[in-house]
Every structure is written in C-alpha cells, then in structure tokens.
Amino acid sequence: MTVTIYGIKNCDTMKKARSWLETNSVDYSFHDYKTAGIDRAHLETWCDAAGWETVLNRSGTTFKKLDDSQKADLTRERAIGLMLEQPSMIKRPVLEAKGKITVGFKPEIYQTLFA
C-alpha cells in the first residue's frame, strides 16, 4: 500500500501526523509542497474528494494576508489558483492512503483508516 503525506516540514500538525504514522509503523513518503510544489491534478483530486472549502486553509496567516478582493467570492477554481500560487494555503496534512484522501490530522481518523 502506498501512503503519501503532503504538507510542510516544520508545521506542528505535520509533525504530529508524521509521528503518529511512525509510532504506528505505517510506511509513508513525505511530499513537502513548500519545496517541491504541488500540481493542479493533485489539488483537483483533493478538492473533488474533500471539497475545496476543506482543502483551503482559511485560518492560516498566508490566507489572512490576502487582499479582501482575493478572499471575496471564492470559487473552486479561484481557490485552486490561490493554492497553486501559495501552497502554504493548503490545509495540512493531506494524506493519500487506501484510495482515500484525508485532510487535517485527527489520531482517531488515522486509527480507523489504518486499523
């Protein structure tokens, strides 16, 4: 089974998620989209699976620093464009495992997924 976790190396939530995977002996690959970037196909897949409203991190400082005009009247396409331009606006982590997309980290959700 291929497990890939996407995020930013120094994010506290990412550290918790990666630690959980390691403690529970789940082999995974890590994709740092801050350094390696992310493509439109991944963002579209994630938005289809979880909804762009979930994938877009509106509570982060990067989003909050946007002009009000950029935040207004968001659509799926505009949100994907923003995330492509500034991947730190993607909620972390995004986990691809067992044909599913999980956005964010909650130990109980990971436990259910890997049980």
Protein backbone atom coordinates (compact mmCIF):
# COMPACT_ATOMS: atom_id res chain seq x y z
CA MET A 1 0.00 0.00 0.00
CA THR A 2 1.29 3.42 -0.94
CA VAL A 3 0.83 6.11 1.69
CA THR A 4 1.82 9.69 0.93
CA ILE A 5 1.53 12.60 3.32
CA TYR A 6 1.64 16.12 1.90
CA GLY A 7 2.47 19.25 3.82
CA ILE A 8 5.24 21.46 5.12
CA LYS A 9 8.17 20.09 7.08
CA ASN A 10 8.08 22.48 10.05
CA CYS A 11 4.32 22.56 10.63
CA ASP A 12 3.37 21.36 14.13
CA THR A 13 0.34 19.45 12.87
CA MET A 14 2.52 17.76 10.26
CA LYS A 15 4.97 16.72 12.97
CA LYS A 16 2.11 15.16 14.97
CA ALA A 17 0.77 13.31 11.93
CA ARG A 18 4.20 12.00 10.90
CA SER A 19 4.93 10.96 14.46
CA TRP A 20 1.63 9.07 14.59
CA LEU A 21 2.44 7.25 11.35
CA GLU A 22 5.92 6.31 12.62
CA THR A 23 4.67 5.20 16.05
CA ASN A 24 2.08 3.01 14.36
CA SER A 25 4.60 1.52 11.89
CA VAL A 26 2.94 2.96 8.79
CA ASP A 27 5.43 3.29 5.95
CA TYR A 28 4.88 6.53 4.08
CA SER A 29 6.51 9.00 1.77
CA PHE A 30 6.51 12.70 2.58
CA HIS A 31 5.93 15.37 -0.05
CA ASP A 32 6.88 18.86 1.10
CA TYR A 33 4.85 21.09 -1.17
CA LYS A 34 6.64 24.16 0.12
CA THR A 35 9.88 22.95 -1.52
CA ALA A 36 8.61 20.51 -4.17
CA GLY A 37 5.44 22.33 -5.15
CA ILE A 38 2.11 20.77 -5.98
CA ASP A 39 0.34 20.31 -9.28
CA ARG A 40 -3.18 21.16 -10.36
CA ALA A 41 -4.14 17.48 -10.75
CA HIS A 42 -3.49 16.78 -7.06
CA LEU A 43 -5.42 19.85 -5.94
CA GLU A 44 -8.36 18.97 -8.18
CA THR A 45 -8.41 15.40 -6.85
CA TRP A 46 -8.29 16.62 -3.25
CA CYS A 47 -11.00 19.21 -3.86
CA ASP A 48 -13.20 16.59 -5.54
CA ALA A 49 -12.74 14.21 -2.60
CA ALA A 50 -12.89 16.61 0.35
CA GLY A 51 -14.29 19.85 -1.08
CA TRP A 52 -12.25 22.96 -1.82
CA GLU A 53 -13.62 24.58 1.33
CA THR A 54 -11.86 21.89 3.38
CA VAL A 55 -8.61 21.88 1.40
CA LEU A 56 -8.17 25.66 1.50
CA ASN A 57 -6.73 26.74 4.86
CA ARG A 58 -8.57 29.99 5.59
CA SER A 59 -7.27 30.19 9.16
CA GLY A 60 -3.59 30.41 8.20
CA THR A 61 -1.60 33.62 8.04
CA THR A 62 -0.97 33.31 4.30
CA PHE A 63 -4.71 33.41 3.55
CA LYS A 64 -5.37 36.12 6.11
CA LYS A 65 -2.74 38.38 4.48
CA LEU A 66 -4.57 38.33 1.13
CA ASP A 67 -6.39 41.42 -0.04
CA ASP A 68 -10.09 41.32 0.69
CA SER A 69 -10.74 41.25 -3.06
CA GLN A 70 -8.80 37.97 -3.33
CA LYS A 71 -10.78 36.42 -0.46
CA ALA A 72 -14.18 37.56 -1.71
CA ASP A 73 -16.46 35.41 -3.85
CA LEU A 74 -14.19 32.38 -3.81
CA THR A 75 -14.99 29.53 -6.15
CA ARG A 76 -13.36 26.15 -6.57
CA GLU A 77 -11.27 27.43 -9.48
CA ARG A 78 -10.14 30.58 -7.68
CA ALA A 79 -9.27 28.59 -4.56
CA ILE A 80 -7.20 26.11 -6.59
CA GLY A 81 -5.42 29.04 -8.25
CA LEU A 82 -4.57 30.54 -4.86
CA MET A 83 -3.27 27.19 -3.57
CA LEU A 84 -1.15 26.69 -6.68
CA GLU A 85 0.39 30.14 -6.24
CA GLN A 86 0.94 29.73 -2.50
CA PRO A 87 0.90 26.08 -1.35
CA SER A 88 1.03 27.13 2.29
CA MET A 89 -2.70 27.89 1.86
CA ILE A 90 -3.37 24.16 1.63
CA LYS A 91 -4.66 22.70 4.88
CA ARG A 92 -2.18 20.29 6.43
CA PRO A 93 -1.64 17.46 6.24
CA VAL A 94 -3.23 15.85 3.22
CA LEU A 95 -2.91 12.08 3.44
CA GLU A 96 -3.41 9.76 0.47
CA ALA A 97 -3.90 6.19 1.64
CA LYS A 98 -6.10 3.23 0.75
CA GLY A 99 -7.68 5.15 -2.10
CA LYS A 100 -8.87 7.87 0.27
CA ILE A 101 -7.97 11.50 0.89
CA THR A 102 -7.81 12.69 4.49
CA VAL A 103 -7.34 16.42 5.15
CA GLY A 104 -6.11 17.54 8.56
CA PHE A 105 -4.90 15.33 11.40
CA LYS A 106 -7.02 13.60 13.99
CA PRO A 107 -5.50 10.49 15.59
CA GLU A 108 -8.85 8.69 15.74
CA ILE A 109 -9.38 9.12 11.99
CA TYR A 110 -5.89 7.78 11.24
CA GLN A 111 -6.53 4.89 13.64
CA THR A 112 -9.73 3.95 11.81
CA LEU A 113 -8.06 4.26 8.42
CA PHE A 114 -5.10 2.03 9.32
CA ALA A 115 -6.93 -0.46 11.59
